[in-house]
Amino acid sequence: MIESDHDGPITARSLMELLNAAYALHPAFGEAEIVETGVGVRPAYPDNLPRVKCWKEGTITINGLYRHGFLLSPAMAEQAAGLSSIHLPTTHLPAWRLKMKLIVNGEALEVEATTLATLLKELDYEGGWFATALNGDVVPAAARPEFHLSDGDRIEILSPMQGG
């Protein structure tokens, strides 16, 4: 970890350490193309927990590690890999991971799921007799595997009921 208040371009040392860590996680990162780099201050969220987010254009961001990046980066990398559809062999992944905090049907839950489809499986929803909404937007059943979850998302799962 490099402690610095430097806010200019990324240094060679910083980039080499980042790339070494990625390659150590999985050798396939050795063939990855670097599209863009950026640097800045290390943000921290009010609860001091990091966030992995997938934006609509497909960009995945990891923020809020602050000075704990080396300790939390394996779990963050696993979540980012899940969001990017990279399937790393489980022998290269840590045995633990951070859970995501979601609101499901008004109830706060901590889950390991990264997509709406995996959340439904984790919560034991089977069959197709229910509707889903993510942050107020209806998600068709066929699209659930592509809808990535972010910390704090609100999910509604609605089932038809009969009775009088």
Protein backbone atom coordinates (compact mmCIF):
# COMPACT_ATOMS: atom_id res chain seq x y z
CA MET A 1 0.00 0.00 0.00
CA ILE A 2 1.35 3.38 -0.97
CA GLU A 3 0.47 6.25 1.35
CA SER A 4 0.58 9.53 -0.54
CA ASP A 5 -1.37 12.71 -1.05
CA HIS A 6 -0.20 12.77 -4.69
CA ASP A 7 -3.19 13.57 -6.90
CA GLY A 8 -1.43 13.53 -10.27
CA PRO A 9 -1.22 10.65 -12.75
CA ILE A 10 -0.77 7.11 -11.46
CA THR A 11 2.81 6.23 -10.59
CA ALA A 12 4.57 3.24 -12.14
CA ARG A 13 4.96 1.69 -8.66
CA SER A 14 1.24 1.96 -7.91
CA LEU A 15 0.26 0.48 -11.25
CA MET A 16 2.78 -2.38 -10.90
CA GLU A 17 1.48 -3.25 -7.43
CA LEU A 18 -2.10 -3.24 -8.67
CA LEU A 19 -1.27 -5.41 -11.68
CA ASN A 20 0.79 -7.82 -9.55
CA ALA A 21 -2.16 -8.24 -7.19
CA ALA A 22 -4.55 -8.89 -10.09
CA TYR A 23 -2.17 -11.44 -11.64
CA ALA A 24 -1.72 -13.16 -8.26
CA LEU A 25 -5.50 -13.46 -7.98
CA HIS A 26 -5.67 -15.21 -11.37
CA PRO A 27 -3.08 -15.50 -14.15
CA ALA A 28 -5.74 -14.68 -16.79
CA PHE A 29 -5.45 -11.05 -15.72
CA GLY A 30 -2.04 -11.12 -17.42
CA GLU A 31 -3.84 -10.97 -20.78
CA ALA A 32 -6.27 -8.22 -19.77
CA GLU A 33 -6.11 -4.89 -21.58
CA ILE A 34 -5.84 -1.70 -19.56
CA VAL A 35 -8.43 0.62 -21.01
CA GLU A 36 -8.00 3.50 -18.58
CA THR A 37 -6.34 4.35 -15.27
CA GLY A 38 -7.19 7.00 -12.75
CA VAL A 39 -6.13 8.10 -9.31
CA GLY A 40 -7.49 10.25 -6.55
CA VAL A 41 -8.13 10.35 -2.86
CA ARG A 42 -9.31 7.22 -1.10
CA PRO A 43 -12.98 7.73 -0.36
CA ALA A 44 -14.68 6.22 2.63
CA TYR A 45 -18.42 5.78 3.05
CA PRO A 46 -20.13 6.78 6.31
CA ASP A 47 -20.33 3.13 7.46
CA ASN A 48 -16.65 2.56 6.46
CA LEU A 49 -17.64 -0.43 4.30
CA PRO A 50 -16.45 -0.68 0.68
CA ARG A 51 -18.81 -0.91 -2.29
CA VAL A 52 -18.69 -2.87 -5.55
CA LYS A 53 -21.10 -1.39 -8.07
CA CYS A 54 -22.00 -2.24 -11.64
CA TRP A 55 -23.22 0.79 -13.57
CA LYS A 56 -25.70 0.60 -16.45
CA GLU A 57 -22.98 1.03 -19.09
CA GLY A 58 -21.21 -2.05 -17.67
CA THR A 59 -18.48 -0.27 -15.73
CA ILE A 60 -17.62 -1.93 -12.42
CA THR A 61 -16.27 0.29 -9.66
CA ILE A 62 -14.76 -0.63 -6.30
CA ASN A 63 -14.62 2.24 -3.83
CA GLY A 64 -14.40 2.86 -0.13
CA LEU A 65 -11.47 0.58 0.67
CA TYR A 66 -9.57 3.49 2.23
CA ARG A 67 -6.42 2.12 3.87
CA HIS A 68 -7.83 -1.40 4.29
CA GLY A 69 -7.50 -2.34 0.63
CA PHE A 70 -5.05 -5.19 1.13
CA LEU A 71 -7.28 -6.81 3.72
CA LEU A 72 -10.54 -6.44 1.80
CA SER A 73 -9.37 -6.66 -1.80
CA PRO A 74 -9.79 -10.46 -2.14
CA ALA A 75 -13.48 -10.24 -1.24
CA MET A 76 -13.98 -7.15 -3.40
CA ALA A 77 -12.23 -8.83 -6.34
CA GLU A 78 -14.51 -11.86 -5.98
CA GLN A 79 -17.60 -9.66 -6.07
CA ALA A 80 -16.27 -7.71 -9.07
CA ALA A 81 -15.47 -10.97 -10.87
CA GLY A 82 -19.03 -12.16 -10.24
CA LEU A 83 -20.38 -8.94 -11.72
CA SER A 84 -18.17 -9.15 -14.79
CA SER A 85 -19.12 -12.75 -15.64
CA ILE A 86 -15.53 -13.90 -15.09
CA HIS A 87 -15.74 -17.34 -13.55
CA LEU A 88 -12.52 -17.93 -11.65
CA PRO A 89 -11.72 -21.40 -10.33
CA THR A 90 -12.75 -21.64 -6.70
CA THR A 91 -9.21 -22.72 -5.77
CA HIS A 92 -8.10 -19.12 -6.43
CA LEU A 93 -10.85 -17.48 -4.39
CA PRO A 94 -10.93 -16.75 -0.67
CA ALA A 95 -13.13 -18.93 1.52
CA TRP A 96 -14.98 -15.86 2.83
CA ARG A 97 -16.63 -12.87 1.24
CA LEU A 98 -18.46 -9.77 2.38
CA LYS A 99 -22.23 -9.89 2.27
CA MET A 100 -24.29 -7.29 0.48
CA LYS A 101 -26.96 -5.37 2.37
CA LEU A 102 -30.31 -5.25 0.56
CA ILE A 103 -33.91 -4.42 1.36
CA VAL A 104 -36.11 -7.32 0.23
CA ASN A 105 -39.86 -6.83 0.57
CA GLY A 106 -39.17 -4.12 3.16
CA GLU A 107 -36.86 -6.32 5.24
CA ALA A 108 -33.12 -5.65 5.61
CA LEU A 109 -31.08 -8.69 4.59
CA GLU A 110 -27.40 -9.53 4.12
CA VAL A 111 -26.85 -11.82 1.15
CA GLU A 112 -24.02 -13.21 -0.98
CA ALA A 113 -25.97 -12.97 -4.26
CA THR A 114 -24.70 -10.59 -6.95
CA THR A 115 -27.59 -10.83 -9.44
CA LEU A 116 -31.35 -10.85 -9.07
CA ALA A 117 -31.46 -14.48 -10.27
CA THR A 118 -28.91 -15.65 -7.68
CA LEU A 119 -30.74 -13.70 -4.96
CA LEU A 120 -33.97 -15.55 -5.75
CA LYS A 121 -32.13 -18.86 -5.58
CA GLU A 122 -30.44 -17.87 -2.29
CA LEU A 123 -33.86 -16.97 -0.82
CA ASP A 124 -35.36 -20.29 -2.06
CA TYR A 125 -37.80 -18.77 -4.56
CA GLU A 126 -38.56 -21.48 -7.10
CA GLY A 127 -40.84 -21.61 -10.10
CA GLY A 128 -41.99 -18.67 -12.12
CA TRP A 129 -45.11 -17.61 -10.28
CA PHE A 130 -43.82 -14.33 -8.99
CA ALA A 131 -42.90 -10.86 -10.21
CA THR A 132 -39.77 -8.91 -9.30
CA ALA A 133 -38.83 -5.25 -9.11
CA LEU A 134 -35.40 -3.73 -8.53
CA ASN A 135 -35.42 -0.18 -7.11
CA GLY A 136 -38.99 0.30 -8.34
CA ASP A 137 -38.42 -1.01 -11.88
CA VAL A 138 -40.10 -4.26 -12.93
CA VAL A 139 -37.59 -6.91 -13.99
CA PRO A 140 -38.86 -9.59 -16.40
CA ALA A 141 -38.02 -13.19 -15.45
CA ALA A 142 -35.77 -13.66 -18.50
CA ALA A 143 -33.69 -10.59 -17.56
CA ARG A 144 -33.05 -11.51 -13.90
CA PRO A 145 -29.62 -13.11 -14.53
CA GLU A 146 -28.35 -9.84 -16.08
CA PHE A 147 -29.61 -7.53 -13.33
CA HIS A 148 -26.64 -7.00 -10.99
CA LEU A 149 -27.28 -5.97 -7.42
CA SER A 150 -25.56 -3.20 -5.48
CA ASP A 151 -25.39 -2.57 -1.77
CA GLY A 152 -28.57 -0.83 -0.61
CA ASP A 153 -30.79 -1.97 -3.52
CA ARG A 154 -34.50 -2.41 -2.84
CA ILE A 155 -36.06 -5.59 -4.22
CA GLU A 156 -39.74 -6.49 -4.24
CA ILE A 157 -40.83 -10.09 -4.86
CA LEU A 158 -44.57 -10.43 -5.44
CA SER A 159 -46.50 -13.70 -5.54
CA PRO A 160 -50.18 -14.15 -6.50
CA MET A 161 -52.38 -15.30 -3.61
CA GLN A 162 -55.81 -16.80 -3.45
CA GLY A 163 -58.30 -16.54 -0.68
CA GLY A 164 -61.23 -14.67 0.68
